[in-house]
Protein backbone atom coordinates (compact mmCIF):
# COMPACT_ATOMS: atom_id res chain seq x y z
CA MET A 1 23.24 8.48 34.80
CA GLY A 2 25.82 6.59 32.75
CA TRP A 3 26.33 6.91 29.02
CA ALA A 4 24.78 3.49 28.30
CA ALA A 5 21.71 4.30 30.40
CA THR A 6 21.34 7.66 28.64
CA LEU A 7 21.52 5.95 25.25
CA ARG A 8 18.91 3.39 26.32
CA GLN A 9 16.61 6.18 27.49
CA GLU A 10 16.95 8.06 24.18
CA ARG A 11 16.07 4.91 22.24
CA THR A 12 13.06 3.96 24.37
CA TYR A 13 9.89 3.24 22.43
CA GLN A 14 7.04 5.66 23.05
CA ARG A 15 3.40 5.01 22.18
CA HIS A 16 2.41 7.19 19.23
CA GLU A 17 -0.98 8.21 20.73
CA PRO A 18 -3.07 8.31 17.54
CA GLU A 19 -5.91 10.14 19.28
CA LYS A 20 -3.71 13.26 19.35
CA THR A 21 -3.02 13.32 15.61
CA LEU A 22 -4.83 15.66 13.22
CA LEU A 23 -6.11 12.78 11.06
CA TYR A 24 -7.72 11.03 14.02
CA GLN A 25 -9.37 14.23 15.25
CA VAL A 26 -10.77 15.03 11.81
CA ILE A 27 -12.35 11.57 11.44
CA GLN A 28 -13.52 11.51 15.07
CA GLU A 29 -15.34 14.82 14.68
CA ASN A 30 -16.80 14.30 11.21
CA TRP A 31 -17.31 10.57 10.61
CA ASN A 32 -20.89 10.37 11.87
CA THR A 33 -21.74 13.57 9.99
CA PHE A 34 -20.42 12.09 6.76
CA GLN A 35 -22.36 8.84 7.29
CA ASN A 36 -25.56 10.67 8.18
CA LEU A 37 -25.44 12.89 5.12
CA ALA A 38 -24.65 9.89 2.91
CA GLU A 39 -27.72 8.03 4.16
CA LYS A 40 -30.01 11.02 3.80
CA ASN A 41 -28.98 11.82 0.26
CA ARG A 42 -28.99 8.22 -0.94
CA GLU A 43 -32.35 7.30 0.57
CA GLY A 44 -30.83 5.18 3.31
CA ALA A 45 -28.21 3.53 1.08
CA GLY A 46 -25.15 4.48 3.09
CA LEU A 47 -21.58 3.36 2.79
CA PRO A 48 -20.66 -0.31 2.23
CA THR A 49 -19.96 -2.41 5.29
CA HIS A 50 -16.26 -2.84 4.57
CA VAL A 51 -15.78 0.94 4.34
CA VAL A 52 -17.61 1.59 7.61
CA ARG A 53 -15.58 -1.14 9.30
CA GLU A 54 -12.36 0.42 8.03
CA PHE A 55 -13.09 3.80 9.61
CA GLU A 56 -14.49 2.46 12.87
CA SER A 57 -11.53 0.12 13.28
CA TYR A 58 -9.14 3.00 12.72
CA LEU A 59 -10.82 5.01 15.46
CA GLY A 60 -10.09 2.15 17.86
CA CYS A 61 -6.53 1.49 16.69
CA GLY A 62 -3.82 2.13 19.27
CA ILE A 63 -6.28 3.15 22.00
CA LEU A 64 -5.36 1.64 25.39
CA ALA A 65 -8.97 1.73 26.60
CA ASN A 66 -9.83 -0.84 23.90
CA GLY A 67 -7.33 -3.39 25.19
CA PHE A 68 -3.59 -3.85 25.41
CA VAL A 69 -0.67 -6.19 26.08
CA ARG A 70 1.31 -5.98 29.32
CA VAL A 71 5.09 -6.15 28.81
CA LYS A 72 7.31 -6.57 31.87
CA CYS A 73 11.04 -6.76 32.62
CA GLY A 74 12.03 -9.94 34.45
CA ASP A 75 14.86 -8.18 36.33
CA CYS A 76 13.69 -4.76 37.53
CA LYS A 77 9.93 -5.35 37.02
CA HIS A 78 9.64 -2.32 34.72
CA GLU A 79 6.30 -2.55 32.91
CA LYS A 80 4.63 -0.87 29.96
CA LEU A 81 1.43 -1.25 27.97
CA VAL A 82 1.17 -1.80 24.22
CA ALA A 83 -2.23 -1.07 22.66
CA PHE A 84 -3.85 -3.34 20.07
CA SER A 85 -3.85 -2.27 16.42
CA CYS A 86 -6.69 -2.45 13.88
CA LYS A 87 -4.61 -4.35 11.27
CA ARG A 88 -6.51 -2.69 8.41
CA ARG A 89 -4.98 -1.96 5.00
CA GLY A 90 -7.01 1.02 3.80
CA PHE A 91 -5.42 4.17 5.22
CA CYS A 92 -4.48 3.63 8.91
CA PRO A 93 -0.97 5.16 9.06
CA SER A 94 0.26 2.86 11.83
CA CYS A 95 -1.00 -0.44 10.43
CA CYS A 96 -0.15 0.43 6.83
CA SER A 97 3.38 1.34 7.93
CA ARG A 98 3.75 -2.00 9.68
CA ARG A 99 2.43 -3.77 6.59
CA MET A 100 4.91 -1.79 4.47
CA ASN A 101 7.91 -2.86 6.57
CA GLU A 102 6.70 -6.42 6.93
CA SER A 103 6.15 -6.77 3.16
CA ALA A 104 9.57 -5.30 2.36
CA ALA A 105 11.32 -7.62 4.82
CA HIS A 106 9.45 -10.64 3.45
CA LEU A 107 10.29 -9.84 -0.16
CA VAL A 108 14.00 -9.34 0.55
CA ASP A 109 14.40 -12.29 2.92
CA ARG A 110 12.05 -14.86 1.38
CA VAL A 111 11.26 -13.99 -2.25
CA LEU A 112 13.76 -11.94 -4.25
CA PRO A 113 17.07 -13.73 -4.92
CA GLN A 114 20.43 -11.98 -4.92
CA VAL A 115 20.29 -10.92 -8.55
CA PRO A 116 19.72 -7.54 -10.27
CA VAL A 117 16.17 -6.18 -10.10
CA ARG A 118 14.46 -3.44 -12.12
CA GLN A 119 11.25 -1.61 -11.27
CA TYR A 120 8.63 -1.09 -13.99
CA VAL A 121 5.80 1.34 -13.21
CA LEU A 122 2.73 1.29 -15.45
CA SER A 123 0.12 4.05 -15.22
CA VAL A 124 -3.16 4.03 -17.15
CA PRO A 125 -5.62 6.71 -18.33
CA MET A 126 -7.92 8.27 -15.73
CA PRO A 127 -11.21 6.63 -16.79
CA LEU A 128 -9.57 3.21 -16.66
CA ARG A 129 -8.29 3.92 -13.13
CA PHE A 130 -11.85 4.43 -11.93
CA TRP A 131 -13.13 1.22 -13.49
CA MET A 132 -10.20 -0.79 -12.08
CA ALA A 133 -10.89 0.60 -8.61
CA SER A 134 -14.24 -1.20 -8.45
CA ASN A 135 -13.50 -4.19 -10.69
CA SER A 136 -10.76 -6.46 -9.36
CA GLY A 137 -11.17 -8.78 -12.36
CA LEU A 138 -10.24 -6.02 -14.78
CA THR A 139 -7.30 -5.04 -12.57
CA THR A 140 -6.05 -8.63 -12.72
CA GLN A 141 -6.44 -8.71 -16.49
CA ILE A 142 -4.53 -5.46 -17.04
CA LEU A 143 -1.75 -6.68 -14.75
CA ALA A 144 -1.56 -10.00 -16.61
CA ILE A 145 -1.15 -8.10 -19.89
CA MET A 146 1.66 -6.06 -18.36
CA VAL A 147 3.46 -9.13 -16.99
CA ARG A 148 3.17 -11.02 -20.30
CA GLY A 149 4.33 -8.01 -22.30
CA ILE A 150 7.44 -7.22 -20.24
CA GLY A 151 8.17 -10.91 -19.64
CA GLY A 152 7.93 -11.61 -23.37
CA TYR A 153 10.35 -8.78 -24.09
CA LEU A 154 12.88 -10.23 -21.61
CA LYS A 155 12.54 -13.76 -23.03
CA LYS A 156 13.00 -12.49 -26.57
CA LYS A 157 16.08 -10.60 -25.47
CA ALA A 158 17.45 -13.71 -23.75
CA ARG A 159 17.02 -15.84 -26.88
CA ALA A 160 18.74 -13.16 -28.94
CA ALA A 161 21.65 -13.37 -26.49
CA GLY A 162 21.99 -17.09 -27.21
CA HIS A 163 20.15 -18.63 -24.24
CA LYS A 164 18.38 -21.73 -25.53
CA GLY A 165 15.79 -24.01 -24.02
CA ARG A 166 13.13 -22.95 -21.58
CA VAL A 167 13.66 -19.49 -20.11
CA GLU A 168 11.49 -17.93 -17.41
CA THR A 169 11.23 -14.49 -15.88
CA GLY A 170 9.99 -13.55 -12.44
CA CYS A 171 8.30 -10.52 -10.94
CA VAL A 172 6.50 -9.21 -7.87
CA THR A 173 3.81 -6.55 -8.30
CA LEU A 174 2.43 -4.23 -5.65
CA ILE A 175 -0.79 -2.56 -6.78
CA GLN A 176 -0.95 1.03 -5.58
CA ARG A 177 -4.38 2.65 -5.34
CA TYR A 178 -3.33 6.21 -4.59
CA GLY A 179 -1.38 9.18 -5.84
CA GLY A 180 0.67 11.78 -4.00
CA ALA A 181 -2.33 14.03 -3.31
CA ILE A 182 -4.54 11.38 -1.59
CA ASN A 183 -6.21 10.83 -4.95
CA LEU A 184 -7.38 7.53 -6.42
CA ASN A 185 -4.77 6.37 -8.93
CA ILE A 186 -4.63 2.64 -9.64
CA HIS A 187 -1.20 1.77 -11.04
CA PHE A 188 1.34 -1.04 -10.88
CA HIS A 189 4.82 -1.15 -9.34
CA THR A 190 6.45 -4.34 -10.62
CA LEU A 191 9.88 -5.61 -9.62
CA PHE A 192 11.21 -7.68 -12.52
CA LEU A 193 14.41 -9.69 -12.35
CA GLU A 194 16.98 -8.09 -14.67
CA GLY A 195 17.44 -11.35 -16.54
CA VAL A 196 16.00 -14.83 -16.97
CA TYR A 197 16.31 -18.29 -15.47
CA VAL A 198 17.19 -21.13 -17.80
CA ILE A 199 15.06 -24.05 -16.65
CA PRO A 200 16.43 -27.62 -16.97
CA LEU A 201 14.65 -29.83 -19.49
CA PRO A 202 12.47 -32.73 -18.29
CA GLY A 203 14.60 -35.69 -17.24
CA ASN A 204 17.57 -33.58 -16.10
CA ASN A 205 16.82 -34.03 -12.43
CA GLY A 206 20.33 -33.17 -11.29
CA GLU A 207 20.40 -29.75 -12.95
CA LYS A 208 19.22 -26.52 -11.39
CA ALA A 209 17.67 -23.35 -12.72
CA VAL A 210 20.46 -20.93 -13.64
CA PHE A 211 20.10 -17.15 -13.72
CA HIS A 212 21.52 -15.14 -16.64
CA GLU A 213 21.68 -11.37 -16.35
CA LEU A 214 20.55 -9.27 -19.32
CA PRO A 215 21.63 -5.74 -20.28
CA PRO A 216 19.30 -2.93 -19.17
CA PRO A 217 16.57 -1.78 -21.57
CA THR A 218 17.18 1.14 -23.87
CA ASP A 219 14.82 4.09 -24.25
CA GLN A 220 13.66 2.69 -27.58
CA GLU A 221 12.91 -0.73 -26.05
CA VAL A 222 10.84 0.84 -23.28
CA SER A 223 8.80 2.72 -25.89
CA GLU A 224 8.27 -0.48 -27.89
CA VAL A 225 7.15 -2.39 -24.80
CA LEU A 226 4.69 0.37 -23.89
CA ALA A 227 3.27 0.37 -27.42
CA THR A 228 2.70 -3.38 -27.09
CA LEU A 229 1.03 -3.00 -23.70
CA GLN A 230 -1.19 -0.15 -24.87
CA ARG A 231 -2.31 -2.07 -27.95
CA ARG A 232 -3.13 -5.21 -25.96
CA ILE A 233 -4.96 -3.35 -23.19
CA VAL A 234 -7.10 -1.45 -25.71
CA ARG A 235 -7.91 -4.74 -27.44
CA ALA A 236 -8.97 -6.26 -24.09
CA LEU A 237 -11.22 -3.28 -23.32
CA VAL A 238 -12.85 -3.55 -26.74
CA LYS A 239 -13.61 -7.22 -26.08
CA ARG A 240 -15.17 -6.29 -22.74
CA GLY A 241 -17.41 -3.76 -24.48
CA LEU A 242 -15.96 -0.85 -22.50
CA LEU A 243 -14.13 0.72 -25.42
CA SER A 244 -15.47 1.70 -28.81
CA LYS A 245 -13.35 0.16 -31.55
CA GLU A 246 -13.93 3.10 -33.85
CA GLU A 247 -13.51 5.97 -31.42
CA GLU A 248 -11.42 4.25 -28.74
CA ASN A 249 -13.34 6.06 -26.02
CA LEU A 250 -14.34 4.43 -22.78
CA ASP A 251 -18.06 3.83 -22.42
CA GLU A 252 -18.81 5.23 -18.97
CA SER A 253 -22.50 4.29 -19.09
CA ASP A 254 -21.73 0.90 -17.53
CA PHE A 255 -19.26 2.19 -14.94
CA PHE A 256 -21.76 2.49 -12.10
CA SER A 257 -23.43 -0.88 -12.68
CA GLY A 258 -23.27 -2.92 -9.48
CA ILE A 259 -21.17 -0.34 -7.60
CA ASP A 260 -22.24 1.33 -4.36
CA PRO A 261 -23.34 4.85 -5.41
CA VAL A 262 -21.57 6.68 -2.58
CA VAL A 263 -18.26 4.92 -3.18
CA ALA A 264 -18.68 5.30 -6.95
CA ALA A 265 -19.16 9.05 -6.59
CA ALA A 266 -16.14 9.36 -4.30
CA GLN A 267 -13.95 7.24 -6.57
CA GLY A 268 -15.00 9.03 -9.75
CA ALA A 269 -14.27 12.44 -8.26
CA SER A 270 -10.99 11.29 -6.73
CA VAL A 271 -9.71 10.04 -10.08
CA HIS A 272 -10.38 13.45 -11.65
CA ASN A 273 -9.07 15.37 -8.61
CA GLN A 274 -12.52 16.80 -7.89
CA ILE A 275 -14.89 17.04 -4.93
CA ALA A 276 -17.90 14.72 -5.07
CA PHE A 277 -19.98 15.87 -2.09
CA GLY A 278 -21.02 19.04 -0.32
CA GLU A 279 -21.08 22.68 -1.22
CA ASN A 280 -17.98 22.36 -3.42
CA GLN A 281 -19.31 19.43 -5.45
CA GLY A 282 -17.75 19.20 -8.90
CA GLN A 283 -14.95 21.66 -8.13
CA LYS A 284 -11.28 20.84 -8.41
CA VAL A 285 -9.25 20.18 -5.28
CA ARG A 286 -7.73 23.48 -4.21
CA LYS A 287 -4.02 23.94 -4.86
CA ILE A 288 -1.63 25.88 -2.65
CA GLY A 289 1.35 27.68 -4.17
CA SER A 290 0.19 27.38 -7.78
CA PHE A 291 1.06 30.11 -10.29
CA GLY A 292 -1.79 29.29 -12.60
CA GLN A 293 -3.82 26.50 -14.04
CA GLY A 294 -1.90 23.38 -14.91
CA ALA A 295 -2.19 19.65 -15.27
CA PHE A 296 -3.10 17.70 -12.17
CA GLU A 297 -0.01 15.56 -12.59
CA PRO A 298 3.20 16.49 -14.39
CA GLU A 299 3.90 14.65 -17.60
CA PRO A 300 6.55 11.99 -16.83
CA ALA A 301 9.94 12.55 -18.45
CA GLY A 302 13.43 11.15 -18.24
CA PRO A 303 15.47 8.18 -19.42
CA LYS A 304 13.79 4.77 -19.87
CA CYS A 305 10.34 6.38 -19.58
CA SER A 306 7.64 6.60 -22.22
CA ASN A 307 4.07 7.95 -22.66
CA LEU A 308 1.44 6.86 -25.13
CA GLY A 309 -2.29 7.57 -25.27
CA GLY A 310 -2.67 8.16 -21.55
CA PHE A 311 -0.44 5.21 -20.63
CA SER A 312 3.04 5.63 -19.21
CA LEU A 313 5.84 3.19 -18.43
CA HIS A 314 8.81 3.99 -16.18
CA ALA A 315 11.79 1.63 -16.04
CA ASN A 316 14.69 3.76 -14.85
CA THR A 317 15.05 2.38 -11.32
CA ALA A 318 17.32 -0.64 -10.91
CA VAL A 319 19.06 -2.33 -7.98
CA HIS A 320 22.27 -4.33 -8.27
CA ALA A 321 22.56 -7.85 -6.90
CA GLN A 322 24.56 -6.88 -3.80
CA GLU A 323 22.43 -3.86 -2.82
CA ARG A 324 20.05 -5.68 -0.48
CA GLY A 325 19.60 -2.66 1.77
CA ARG A 326 18.66 -0.47 -1.20
CA LEU A 327 16.32 -3.19 -2.46
CA GLU A 328 14.50 -3.27 0.87
CA LYS A 329 14.21 0.52 0.78
CA LEU A 330 12.69 0.29 -2.70
CA CYS A 331 10.24 -2.36 -1.49
CA ARG A 332 9.20 -0.12 1.39
CA TYR A 333 8.65 2.74 -1.05
CA ILE A 334 6.32 0.80 -3.33
CA ALA A 335 4.44 -0.65 -0.32
CA ARG A 336 4.12 2.71 1.49
CA PRO A 337 0.86 3.94 3.12
CA PRO A 338 -1.51 6.13 1.08
CA LEU A 339 -0.91 9.21 3.25
CA SER A 340 1.53 10.55 5.81
CA THR A 341 0.21 12.20 8.97
CA GLU A 342 3.37 14.36 9.08
CA ARG A 343 2.30 16.07 5.86
CA LEU A 344 -1.20 16.94 7.10
CA PHE A 345 -1.65 20.40 8.62
CA ALA A 346 -4.52 22.50 9.91
CA MET A 347 -5.26 25.79 8.17
CA ASP A 348 -6.62 28.96 9.72
CA ASP A 349 -9.96 28.71 7.90
CA GLY A 350 -10.67 25.21 9.25
CA ARG A 351 -9.54 23.39 6.16
CA ILE A 352 -6.98 20.57 6.15
CA GLY A 353 -3.86 20.97 4.03
CA TYR A 354 -1.63 18.19 2.71
CA TRP A 355 1.91 18.89 1.57
CA LEU A 356 3.00 17.24 -1.64
CA LYS A 357 6.23 15.29 -1.52
CA GLN A 358 7.46 17.24 -4.54
CA ALA A 359 6.03 20.44 -5.99
CA TRP A 360 4.18 20.07 -9.28
CA ARG A 361 5.44 21.82 -12.39
CA ASP A 362 2.78 24.52 -12.08
CA GLY A 363 4.15 25.43 -8.62
CA THR A 364 1.57 23.61 -6.50
CA LYS A 365 3.09 22.63 -3.15
CA ALA A 366 0.03 21.36 -1.31
CA VAL A 367 -3.68 20.65 -1.69
CA SER A 368 -6.45 21.45 0.77
CA PHE A 369 -9.76 19.89 1.78
CA THR A 370 -12.60 20.52 4.15
CA PRO A 371 -12.83 17.79 6.84
CA LEU A 372 -15.69 16.08 4.97
CA GLU A 373 -13.77 16.25 1.70
CA LEU A 374 -10.77 14.57 3.33
CA ILE A 375 -12.98 11.72 4.54
CA GLU A 376 -14.42 11.46 1.04
CA LYS A 377 -10.91 10.99 -0.37
CA LEU A 378 -10.16 8.27 2.19
CA VAL A 379 -13.40 6.45 1.35
CA ALA A 380 -12.26 6.21 -2.27
CA LEU A 381 -8.95 4.61 -1.23
CA VAL A 382 -10.38 1.70 0.80
CA PRO A 383 -9.76 -1.50 -1.22
CA GLN A 384 -12.44 -4.07 -1.81
CA PRO A 385 -12.45 -7.09 0.51
CA ARG A 386 -10.39 -10.11 -0.56
CA ALA A 387 -8.67 -8.16 -3.35
CA HIS A 388 -4.96 -8.99 -3.23
CA LEU A 389 -2.66 -6.01 -3.61
CA THR A 390 0.55 -8.07 -3.94
CA ARG A 391 0.90 -10.50 -6.86
CA PHE A 392 3.61 -13.02 -7.76
CA HIS A 393 4.32 -14.20 -11.32
CA GLY A 394 6.79 -16.35 -13.20
CA VAL A 395 9.42 -18.09 -11.09
CA PHE A 396 7.88 -16.54 -7.95
CA ALA A 397 4.42 -18.03 -8.54
CA PRO A 398 3.48 -20.36 -5.66
CA ASN A 399 2.96 -23.34 -7.97
CA PHE A 400 6.13 -22.89 -10.03
CA LYS A 401 8.03 -26.18 -9.97
CA PHE A 402 11.52 -24.70 -9.52
CA ARG A 403 10.55 -21.92 -7.10
CA ALA A 404 12.53 -23.55 -4.28
CA GLN A 405 15.71 -23.18 -6.34
CA VAL A 406 15.09 -19.48 -6.94
CA VAL A 407 13.90 -17.84 -3.73
CA PRO A 408 16.42 -17.35 -0.87
CA ASN A 409 16.61 -19.30 2.38
CA GLN A 410 14.79 -22.33 1.06
CA SER A 411 17.24 -24.79 2.60
CA ALA A 412 16.88 -23.08 5.95
CA ASP A 413 13.11 -23.09 5.59
CA LYS A 414 13.04 -26.79 4.84
CA ALA A 415 15.19 -27.59 7.81
CA MET A 416 13.03 -25.36 9.97
CA ALA A 417 9.90 -26.94 8.58
CA GLY A 418 11.20 -30.42 9.40
CA GLU A 419 10.56 -31.75 5.91
CA THR A 420 13.56 -34.12 6.06
CA ALA A 421 12.72 -35.38 9.53
CA GLY A 422 9.02 -35.68 8.88
CA GLU A 423 8.09 -33.08 11.48
CA ARG A 424 5.17 -30.69 11.15
CA LYS A 425 5.41 -27.68 8.87
CA PRO A 426 5.08 -24.37 10.72
CA SER A 427 2.32 -21.93 9.89
CA PRO A 428 3.07 -18.80 7.81
CA LYS A 429 2.85 -16.68 10.97
CA GLU A 430 6.00 -18.37 12.32
CA TYR A 431 7.97 -16.88 9.43
CA ARG A 432 6.85 -13.31 10.09
CA LEU A 433 8.89 -10.76 11.99
CA THR A 434 7.57 -9.86 15.41
CA TRP A 435 6.65 -6.31 16.33
CA ALA A 436 9.92 -5.91 18.25
CA GLU A 437 12.01 -7.37 15.42
CA MET A 438 10.34 -5.04 12.94
CA LEU A 439 11.15 -1.89 14.90
CA LYS A 440 14.72 -3.03 15.47
CA ARG A 441 15.24 -3.74 11.77
CA VAL A 442 13.70 -0.52 10.46
CA PHE A 443 14.41 2.05 13.20
CA ARG A 444 17.37 0.41 15.01
CA LEU A 445 15.15 0.53 18.09
CA ASP A 446 15.28 -2.43 20.46
CA VAL A 447 11.91 -2.38 22.23
CA SER A 448 12.54 -5.79 23.79
CA THR A 449 15.20 -4.27 26.07
CA CYS A 450 14.24 -2.65 29.37
CA PRO A 451 15.02 1.10 29.34
CA ASP A 452 15.90 1.03 33.07
CA CYS A 453 18.20 -1.94 33.56
CA GLY A 454 18.83 -3.32 30.08
CA GLY A 455 17.05 -6.59 30.83
CA LYS A 456 14.68 -8.38 28.47
CA LEU A 457 11.01 -7.43 28.32
CA LYS A 458 8.47 -10.23 28.06
CA VAL A 459 4.76 -10.29 27.32
CA ILE A 460 2.96 -11.40 30.47
CA ALA A 461 -0.72 -10.87 29.61
CA SER A 462 -3.23 -9.70 27.01
CA ILE A 463 -5.88 -7.56 28.63
CA MET A 464 -9.24 -7.51 26.85
CA GLU A 465 -11.86 -7.59 29.62
CA ARG A 466 -13.47 -4.20 30.10
CA ASN A 467 -13.43 -4.13 33.92
CA VAL A 468 -9.76 -5.20 34.07
CA ILE A 469 -8.82 -2.57 31.48
CA LYS A 470 -10.49 0.16 33.54
CA GLU A 471 -8.86 -0.97 36.77
CA ILE A 472 -5.33 -1.01 35.33
CA LEU A 473 -5.64 2.25 33.39
CA SER A 474 -7.21 4.01 36.37
CA HIS A 475 -4.34 2.87 38.59
CA LEU A 476 -1.77 4.17 36.07
CA GLY A 477 -3.57 7.47 35.49
CA PHE A 478 -4.63 6.85 31.89
CA ASP A 479 -8.03 7.51 30.34
CA THR A 480 -10.31 4.56 31.01
CA GLU A 481 -12.75 5.33 28.19
CA PRO A 482 -11.93 5.37 24.47
CA PRO A 483 -12.34 8.71 22.69
CA GLY A 484 -15.96 9.20 21.74
CA ILE A 485 -17.06 9.76 18.16
CA CYS A 486 -18.80 13.11 17.80
CA PRO A 487 -22.49 12.88 16.86
CA ALA A 488 -23.63 13.96 13.44
CA ARG A 489 -24.09 17.70 13.37
CA PRO A 490 -26.63 19.56 11.23
CA SER A 491 -25.10 20.75 7.99
CA PRO A 492 -25.23 24.44 7.07
CA GLN A 493 -25.96 23.34 3.51
CA ALA A 494 -29.57 22.58 2.72
CA GLU A 495 -28.46 20.16 0.05
CA PHE A 496 -25.55 17.71 0.29
CA ALA A 497 -25.94 16.03 -3.07
CA PHE A 498 -23.89 12.96 -3.96
CA GLY A 499 -23.78 13.45 -7.69
């Protein structure tokens, strides 16, 4: 075998076989048990439909027996099968990873111009995280306060630097719902332009929006911005009746109003790093490698970072204008999946361990769960339907008049859209990277090339009929039936209370 053929063989795409992963096996064996216990202890009021759909879709994701696409080489007739994905955004590692890479590529190629960018990360107190998890309106309001506060600081700084007229900022926010220990932690990762655009005045049709870079914030400025954000957020909570003006304590009596009780219990426990259901109800998540009791999360520290009253603001990560590769890496980081299957491991006592990316200050290196507790944590992370997790503000807002002058590739898009020739405008899907393009961009893996002869692979059919699926898989020696979900088993606990 020649060197080129050997290289092609080493770079051949292999199906990831989700049914063999620890996460899949845990959910497969315990999902019906979790649902059954939820229904029994909530008098038939089980999990919400969107949560059930999330788990059941995951169990069918990447399974050939549920349907696939046939890909064939036009030269040597080499053929392979690509299973359908669930396309969910809750916790599926495969689909969330694709969404991560697709979002990062879209932001770098279509949204963020070639100017300096700084990341601002805002975290909020634990009780507020729980309320935001089930109230998308409050999440939107807190984010709007953050965008106005940081944007106002940048505009004020621009005017002090001598920039007159109308100045505008721009930012993209990715709302993260999780922490590093599969815990519920609503917080904001916002990419702000490190500067402002000076917008031409009305009547100056020939002028364009011009970007002016600003110096990075100082530690004192970050603290001042956080103080402004904290004051405005507290004021908004007081107006909503959630916060006592005198005591400034959140009123949790209204937290469970209108929220599914099972999800509310899971979310409330996840925020506080506790177990909501089962024999360990109310206990803290077990730590591995800890040398004593310590805070669940380390107190943030470092330059351009500040804490105040349970709020924290980090602004120490910046990307220069020419560092497009680093910018895409940053976008992938803030759009990452809630958990990594590589960090899950089985323990001798039947529990499931999860390695932390970095050890906590008290020495904790991992946390552990029973299988049902792990499912409970995943239930808390499933977002509500139709709740957008990516938001655009300022010059990136869809209705901003001068957006076409700011975002990259607009001239190419217009030519592609046929706006000058009066042709039809393509759908948004035509702008997205294909599955093959995504893998080539992220992993340098060309799945469109035949591993045998180097020819081009083409999709020849989508197989979705059950009898055809069975016939093809049987001929190739694959399983013709999808993995079955284990029936609910009787619990050794007499009581499985949900709070």
